[in-house]
Amino acid sequence: MPQRKAAIKRMRSDKKRSHANAALRADLKKVLKGYKALIAAGKTDEAKAQLKTVYAKLDRAVGKGILHKNTAARRKSSLALMLGKKA
């Protein structure tokens, strides 16, 4: 357990940030899972609409520092390819 005020405050803020990041990660996972389910079900029109939301979530994760920009770009590419193969 930290002794100094600054270290105690840092621990508090780290905990807050960790929870926020976990929530964003979980939300991103949920959206990706929904998108993949739409593609598997063959609902390409709904998947196209969902793709915009998925892209936004990935970009937000990059902005917050949760994902690296190249990781997000790779995922976007593979998701678009999935849709292209089904369409």
Protein backbone atom coordinates (compact mmCIF):
# COMPACT_ATOMS: atom_id res chain seq x y z
CA MET A 1 0.00 0.00 0.00
CA PRO A 2 1.44 3.38 -0.95
CA GLN A 3 2.39 5.83 1.76
CA ARG A 4 2.61 9.12 -0.11
CA LYS A 5 -0.39 11.20 -1.07
CA ALA A 6 0.58 11.33 -4.72
CA ALA A 7 0.95 7.55 -4.89
CA ILE A 8 -2.42 7.04 -3.20
CA LYS A 9 -4.07 9.42 -5.66
CA ARG A 10 -2.31 7.71 -8.57
CA MET A 11 -3.66 4.36 -7.39
CA ARG A 12 -7.18 5.78 -7.24
CA SER A 13 -6.98 7.25 -10.72
CA ASP A 14 -5.42 4.07 -12.13
CA LYS A 15 -8.35 2.08 -10.78
CA LYS A 16 -10.84 4.49 -12.37
CA ARG A 17 -9.05 4.40 -15.70
CA SER A 18 -8.81 0.62 -15.58
CA HIS A 19 -12.57 0.30 -15.08
CA ALA A 20 -13.28 2.75 -17.91
CA ASN A 21 -10.95 0.89 -20.27
CA ALA A 22 -12.50 -2.45 -19.34
CA ALA A 23 -15.97 -1.06 -20.06
CA LEU A 24 -14.88 0.22 -23.47
CA ARG A 25 -13.21 -3.10 -24.29
CA ALA A 26 -16.33 -5.04 -23.26
CA ASP A 27 -18.56 -2.75 -25.35
CA LEU A 28 -16.29 -3.20 -28.36
CA LYS A 29 -16.37 -6.98 -27.93
CA LYS A 30 -20.17 -6.95 -27.73
CA VAL A 31 -20.52 -4.89 -30.91
CA LEU A 32 -18.06 -7.12 -32.79
CA LYS A 33 -19.88 -10.24 -31.67
CA GLY A 34 -23.21 -8.81 -32.83
CA TYR A 35 -21.74 -7.88 -36.20
CA LYS A 36 -20.28 -11.36 -36.71
CA ALA A 37 -23.61 -12.92 -35.72
CA LEU A 38 -25.40 -10.82 -38.36
CA ILE A 39 -22.96 -11.98 -41.01
CA ALA A 40 -23.31 -15.61 -39.95
CA ALA A 41 -27.08 -15.28 -40.15
CA GLY A 42 -26.77 -13.86 -43.67
CA LYS A 43 -28.32 -10.49 -42.82
CA THR A 44 -25.99 -8.42 -45.00
CA ASP A 45 -28.13 -5.27 -45.07
CA GLU A 46 -28.22 -5.06 -41.28
CA ALA A 47 -24.52 -5.92 -41.14
CA LYS A 48 -23.69 -3.02 -43.48
CA ALA A 49 -25.49 -0.64 -41.14
CA GLN A 50 -23.75 -2.18 -38.12
CA LEU A 51 -20.32 -1.88 -39.78
CA LYS A 52 -20.42 1.90 -39.38
CA THR A 53 -20.95 1.50 -35.63
CA VAL A 54 -18.16 -1.06 -35.39
CA TYR A 55 -15.76 1.29 -37.19
CA ALA A 56 -16.68 4.11 -34.82
CA LYS A 57 -16.06 1.93 -31.76
CA LEU A 58 -12.69 0.78 -33.10
CA ASP A 59 -11.66 4.37 -33.83
CA ARG A 60 -12.72 5.45 -30.37
CA ALA A 61 -10.67 2.65 -28.82
CA VAL A 62 -7.64 3.85 -30.79
CA GLY A 63 -8.22 7.41 -29.61
CA LYS A 64 -8.41 6.29 -26.00
CA GLY A 65 -5.23 4.24 -26.33
CA ILE A 66 -6.90 0.88 -25.84
CA LEU A 67 -5.99 -0.43 -29.29
CA HIS A 68 -3.05 0.32 -31.54
CA LYS A 69 -4.04 2.04 -34.79
CA ASN A 70 -2.67 -0.78 -36.94
CA THR A 71 -4.63 -3.35 -34.93
CA ALA A 72 -7.82 -1.38 -35.52
CA ALA A 73 -7.02 -1.03 -39.22
CA ARG A 74 -6.41 -4.77 -39.52
CA ARG A 75 -9.70 -5.56 -37.79
CA LYS A 76 -11.62 -3.11 -39.96
CA SER A 77 -10.15 -4.69 -43.05
CA SER A 78 -11.01 -8.24 -42.00
CA LEU A 79 -14.56 -7.22 -41.02
CA ALA A 80 -15.10 -5.57 -44.39
CA LEU A 81 -13.76 -8.69 -46.12
CA MET A 82 -16.19 -10.85 -44.15
CA LEU A 83 -19.05 -8.71 -45.37
CA GLY A 84 -17.74 -8.74 -48.92
CA LYS A 85 -17.58 -12.52 -49.03
CA LYS A 86 -21.17 -12.88 -47.81
CA ALA A 87 -22.63 -10.17 -50.07
